[in-house]
Amino acid sequence: MRILPVIDLMRGQVVRGVAGRRESYQPIVSQLAPDARPASIGRALFEHGATDCYVADLDAIAGAEPSWGTYRELIDIGLRIWVDAGCRNQAAAAALASFEDAGTKLQRIIVGLESLESVDELEGMHPMIGTDRLVFSLDLKHGKPITQPGVWPELSAEVIAHRVIEAGVAGMIVLDLAAVGGYGGPATIGLCEQLRAAWPKLEIISGGGVRDAEDLKQFAAAGCDYVLVASALHDGRVSLFRGFTTEARRGERE
């Protein structure tokens, strides 16, 4: 399993995400970087061993234009970035899929449950983005799916997960926003275990609540390929050099 560092981007700065209460997010204070500028945080993560980085563009998720300039800065540093920019429909997917900086495209494009306008839109995104780059984010809060009105009404997280996998999704983020930044420990272990048992080849990314290396081991034991980490990295609780690896488990599934 690998650590996937997270940059929560808002108003041009990297902020500390806590429990999904975005209106109260503040610029991050990090042991890794001198300030909260995306370039400073991105460079620090790269210098500490990160190759990939998850960027939650919170302004774009709220409806603003994606932060194209920041994406370029992070790519120029050398990071392969996974971007959640509120990809709500096929038009947004096309813009993200075609974006590149000096020939480098976005490594992955996240389609979040909380942003998605319809099931049909998700199905139409596959040929635009490509199965290898499209990652579906199963967005939860206290275990309940976060959806737009009328999209998968009253369905459980398990049912939604199975439907999108059957529709061709090969990579999935399982994230409970209520657990983010709170140091309360993993909240998605049971669901990750269920998905791994039912779909052995599914790429699973999870996180939220990470306190230390023992929590990382829980995610690894649940079958996760990546674990999203932000606060614990910046507070020095978790290091990018701990050597968690996916190769053995990935080889077993291929």
Protein backbone atom coordinates (compact mmCIF):
# COMPACT_ATOMS: atom_id res chain seq x y z
CA MET A 1 0.00 0.00 0.00
CA ARG A 2 1.19 3.49 -0.76
CA ILE A 3 0.57 6.81 0.94
CA LEU A 4 -1.15 9.30 -1.37
CA PRO A 5 -0.60 12.82 0.02
CA VAL A 6 -3.57 15.17 -0.17
CA ILE A 7 -3.62 18.86 -1.04
CA ASP A 8 -6.91 20.52 -0.13
CA LEU A 9 -6.93 23.65 -2.27
CA MET A 10 -9.07 26.69 -1.46
CA ARG A 11 -8.73 30.36 -2.40
CA GLY A 12 -5.22 29.81 -3.73
CA GLN A 13 -3.87 28.17 -0.60
CA VAL A 14 -3.57 24.69 0.87
CA VAL A 15 -6.03 24.36 3.74
CA ARG A 16 -6.49 21.87 6.56
CA GLY A 17 -9.62 19.82 6.00
CA VAL A 18 -11.61 18.93 9.09
CA ALA A 19 -14.81 16.82 8.96
CA GLY A 20 -15.97 18.28 5.66
CA ARG A 21 -16.81 21.68 7.21
CA ARG A 22 -15.33 23.58 4.28
CA GLU A 23 -16.61 26.99 5.37
CA SER A 24 -14.24 26.86 8.35
CA TYR A 25 -11.10 25.52 6.64
CA GLN A 26 -7.95 27.53 7.36
CA PRO A 27 -4.53 27.66 5.65
CA ILE A 28 -2.47 24.69 6.74
CA VAL A 29 0.44 25.01 9.13
CA SER A 30 2.90 22.30 8.18
CA GLN A 31 6.14 20.91 9.56
CA LEU A 32 7.14 20.19 5.96
CA ALA A 33 6.83 23.64 4.37
CA PRO A 34 7.25 27.30 5.39
CA ASP A 35 3.84 28.46 4.14
CA ALA A 36 0.55 27.26 2.70
CA ARG A 37 1.18 28.09 -0.95
CA PRO A 38 0.46 25.09 -3.19
CA ALA A 39 3.93 25.28 -4.74
CA SER A 40 5.57 25.24 -1.30
CA ILE A 41 3.52 22.28 -0.10
CA GLY A 42 3.90 20.42 -3.40
CA ARG A 43 7.67 20.92 -3.46
CA ALA A 44 7.97 19.73 0.14
CA LEU A 45 5.96 16.59 -0.58
CA PHE A 46 8.07 15.87 -3.65
CA GLU A 47 11.31 16.37 -1.73
CA HIS A 48 10.06 14.00 0.98
CA GLY A 49 9.50 11.24 -1.54
CA ALA A 50 6.02 11.74 -2.99
CA THR A 51 5.57 10.91 -6.67
CA ASP A 52 1.77 11.26 -6.82
CA CYS A 53 -0.50 13.72 -5.05
CA TYR A 54 -4.28 13.98 -4.69
CA VAL A 55 -5.58 17.53 -5.23
CA ALA A 56 -9.04 18.34 -3.91
CA ASP A 57 -9.85 21.61 -5.68
CA LEU A 58 -12.51 22.76 -3.24
CA ASP A 59 -13.35 25.96 -5.12
CA ALA A 60 -14.00 23.97 -8.30
CA ILE A 61 -16.03 21.42 -6.35
CA ALA A 62 -18.16 24.37 -5.19
CA GLY A 63 -18.68 25.46 -8.81
CA ALA A 64 -15.71 27.71 -9.69
CA GLU A 65 -13.33 27.24 -12.62
CA PRO A 66 -10.65 24.60 -11.95
CA SER A 67 -7.32 25.95 -10.69
CA TRP A 68 -5.45 25.25 -13.92
CA GLY A 69 -2.45 27.40 -12.94
CA THR A 70 -1.97 25.48 -9.70
CA TYR A 71 -2.16 22.17 -11.55
CA ARG A 72 0.65 23.40 -13.81
CA GLU A 73 2.76 24.43 -10.81
CA LEU A 74 2.43 21.02 -9.21
CA ILE A 75 3.15 19.16 -12.45
CA ASP A 76 6.21 21.35 -13.05
CA ILE A 77 7.51 20.33 -9.61
CA GLY A 78 7.42 16.73 -10.82
CA LEU A 79 4.26 15.46 -9.15
CA ARG A 80 1.73 13.25 -10.90
CA ILE A 81 -1.53 14.76 -9.76
CA TRP A 82 -4.91 13.17 -9.17
CA VAL A 83 -7.52 15.93 -9.39
CA ASP A 84 -11.01 16.25 -7.96
CA ALA A 85 -12.36 19.44 -9.51
CA GLY A 86 -16.05 18.76 -9.09
CA CYS A 87 -16.36 16.75 -12.31
CA ARG A 88 -20.15 16.87 -12.53
CA ASN A 89 -20.87 16.23 -16.20
CA GLN A 90 -19.32 15.24 -19.51
CA ALA A 91 -18.35 18.82 -20.39
CA ALA A 92 -16.29 19.10 -17.20
CA ALA A 93 -14.80 15.67 -17.87
CA ALA A 94 -13.73 16.69 -21.36
CA ALA A 95 -11.97 19.83 -20.07
CA LEU A 96 -10.08 17.90 -17.42
CA ALA A 97 -9.22 15.04 -19.76
CA SER A 98 -7.74 17.39 -22.38
CA PHE A 99 -5.72 19.50 -19.93
CA GLU A 100 -1.96 19.12 -20.13
CA ASP A 101 1.19 20.96 -19.14
CA ALA A 102 4.19 20.57 -21.43
CA GLY A 103 2.80 17.25 -22.62
CA THR A 104 1.91 15.93 -19.16
CA LYS A 105 -1.73 15.21 -18.47
CA LEU A 106 -3.52 14.82 -15.16
CA GLN A 107 -2.56 11.42 -13.80
CA ARG A 108 -6.10 10.62 -12.60
CA ILE A 109 -9.42 12.45 -12.79
CA ILE A 110 -11.75 12.01 -9.85
CA VAL A 111 -15.49 11.83 -10.38
CA GLY A 112 -17.05 12.46 -6.99
CA LEU A 113 -20.44 11.18 -5.95
CA GLU A 114 -21.22 14.53 -4.31
CA SER A 115 -20.71 16.37 -7.63
CA LEU A 116 -22.14 13.95 -10.19
CA GLU A 117 -25.24 15.24 -11.96
CA SER A 118 -26.54 11.89 -13.15
CA VAL A 119 -25.70 8.25 -13.69
CA ASP A 120 -25.81 8.82 -17.46
CA GLU A 121 -23.11 11.48 -17.13
CA LEU A 122 -20.80 8.98 -15.42
CA GLU A 123 -21.30 6.42 -18.18
CA GLY A 124 -20.49 9.04 -20.82
CA MET A 125 -17.24 10.02 -19.09
CA HIS A 126 -15.53 6.67 -19.61
CA PRO A 127 -14.56 7.17 -23.28
CA MET A 128 -13.48 10.78 -22.57
CA ILE A 129 -11.26 10.11 -19.58
CA GLY A 130 -10.37 6.46 -20.09
CA THR A 131 -10.87 3.67 -17.59
CA ASP A 132 -7.23 3.84 -16.53
CA ARG A 133 -7.55 7.51 -15.47
CA LEU A 134 -11.13 7.70 -14.18
CA VAL A 135 -11.50 7.17 -10.42
CA PHE A 136 -14.92 7.25 -8.81
CA SER A 137 -15.08 8.76 -5.33
CA LEU A 138 -17.70 7.24 -3.06
CA ASP A 139 -18.27 10.33 -0.92
CA LEU A 140 -19.80 9.64 2.48
CA LYS A 141 -20.60 11.51 5.66
CA HIS A 142 -21.17 9.44 8.78
CA GLY A 143 -21.51 6.43 6.49
CA LYS A 144 -24.24 7.93 4.31
CA PRO A 145 -23.70 8.73 0.61
CA ILE A 146 -23.46 12.41 -0.34
CA THR A 147 -25.39 12.85 -3.58
CA GLN A 148 -26.98 15.51 -5.71
CA PRO A 149 -30.80 15.57 -5.42
CA GLY A 150 -32.35 12.72 -7.39
CA VAL A 151 -29.06 10.89 -8.10
CA TRP A 152 -29.14 7.45 -6.48
CA PRO A 153 -31.79 8.51 -3.95
CA GLU A 154 -31.80 6.55 -0.70
CA LEU A 155 -29.36 3.92 -1.92
CA SER A 156 -26.72 2.55 0.43
CA ALA A 157 -22.99 3.04 -0.10
CA GLU A 158 -22.64 -0.66 -0.88
CA VAL A 159 -25.31 -0.58 -3.59
CA ILE A 160 -23.87 2.53 -5.22
CA ALA A 161 -20.38 1.04 -5.17
CA HIS A 162 -21.53 -2.17 -6.82
CA ARG A 163 -23.50 -0.30 -9.50
CA VAL A 164 -20.59 1.89 -10.59
CA ILE A 165 -18.17 -1.04 -10.59
CA GLU A 166 -20.57 -3.03 -12.76
CA ALA A 167 -20.71 0.02 -15.05
CA GLY A 168 -16.95 -0.23 -15.61
CA VAL A 169 -15.28 1.76 -12.83
CA ALA A 170 -11.88 0.19 -12.07
CA GLY A 171 -10.67 2.56 -9.34
CA MET A 172 -12.61 3.82 -6.34
CA ILE A 173 -11.99 6.19 -3.47
CA VAL A 174 -13.91 5.33 -0.30
CA LEU A 175 -13.92 8.40 1.94
CA ASP A 176 -16.05 9.48 4.86
CA LEU A 177 -15.70 13.26 5.15
CA ALA A 178 -16.76 13.19 8.79
CA ALA A 179 -13.52 11.36 9.61
CA VAL A 180 -11.19 13.72 7.74
CA GLY A 181 -8.69 15.65 9.85
CA GLY A 182 -10.14 14.54 13.15
CA TYR A 183 -7.59 11.90 14.22
CA GLY A 184 -10.43 9.56 15.11
CA GLY A 185 -9.05 6.56 13.28
CA PRO A 186 -10.24 4.82 10.09
CA ALA A 187 -13.99 4.89 9.45
CA THR A 188 -14.18 2.97 6.17
CA ILE A 189 -12.38 -0.30 6.95
CA GLY A 190 -15.50 -2.49 6.85
CA LEU A 191 -16.65 -1.17 3.48
CA CYS A 192 -13.15 -1.50 2.00
CA GLU A 193 -13.03 -5.12 3.17
CA GLN A 194 -16.40 -5.82 1.54
CA LEU A 195 -15.31 -4.28 -1.75
CA ARG A 196 -12.00 -6.15 -1.76
CA ALA A 197 -13.77 -9.47 -1.14
CA ALA A 198 -16.35 -8.85 -3.87
CA TRP A 199 -14.03 -7.21 -6.44
CA PRO A 200 -10.46 -8.56 -6.11
CA LYS A 201 -9.08 -6.48 -8.99
CA LEU A 202 -10.67 -3.16 -7.99
CA GLU A 203 -8.16 -0.43 -7.13
CA ILE A 204 -9.21 0.88 -3.71
CA ILE A 205 -8.13 4.20 -2.25
CA SER A 206 -9.30 5.24 1.19
CA GLY A 207 -8.34 7.43 4.12
CA GLY A 208 -9.70 9.79 6.73
CA GLY A 209 -8.85 9.83 10.41
CA VAL A 210 -5.27 8.58 9.99
CA ARG A 211 -3.35 9.03 13.26
CA ASP A 212 -0.23 6.93 12.85
CA ALA A 213 1.41 3.94 11.17
CA GLU A 214 -0.93 1.51 12.93
CA ASP A 215 -3.88 3.09 11.13
CA LEU A 216 -2.03 2.70 7.84
CA LYS A 217 -1.65 -1.00 8.60
CA GLN A 218 -5.42 -1.26 9.10
CA PHE A 219 -6.04 0.17 5.65
CA ALA A 220 -3.45 -2.18 4.16
CA ALA A 221 -5.05 -5.20 5.86
CA ALA A 222 -8.46 -4.12 4.49
CA GLY A 223 -7.07 -4.41 0.95
CA CYS A 224 -6.43 -0.76 0.10
CA ASP A 225 -3.92 0.11 -2.61
CA TYR A 226 -3.51 3.72 -1.51
CA VAL A 227 -4.34 5.64 1.64
CA LEU A 228 -5.08 9.37 1.52
CA VAL A 229 -3.16 11.32 4.16
CA ALA A 230 -2.96 15.06 4.85
CA SER A 231 -2.98 16.24 8.48
CA ALA A 232 -0.85 13.37 9.81
CA LEU A 233 1.88 14.15 7.27
CA HIS A 234 1.97 17.85 8.05
CA ASP A 235 1.91 17.24 11.81
CA GLY A 236 4.77 14.73 11.61
CA ARG A 237 2.72 11.74 12.75
CA VAL A 238 3.28 9.82 9.50
CA SER A 239 6.30 9.83 7.19
CA LEU A 240 6.36 9.26 3.45
CA PHE A 241 9.41 7.05 4.00
CA ARG A 242 7.68 4.26 5.93
CA GLY A 243 7.93 1.90 2.98
CA PHE A 244 4.33 0.77 2.62
CA THR A 245 4.04 -0.94 -0.76
CA THR A 246 1.35 -2.39 -2.98
CA GLU A 247 3.44 -4.61 -5.23
CA ALA A 248 2.88 -7.93 -3.43
CA ARG A 249 -0.88 -7.58 -3.16
CA ARG A 250 -1.24 -6.18 -6.65
CA GLY A 251 0.69 -9.14 -8.06
CA GLU A 252 -1.61 -11.56 -6.28
CA ARG A 253 -4.66 -10.01 -7.95
CA GLU A 254 -3.29 -9.94 -11.51
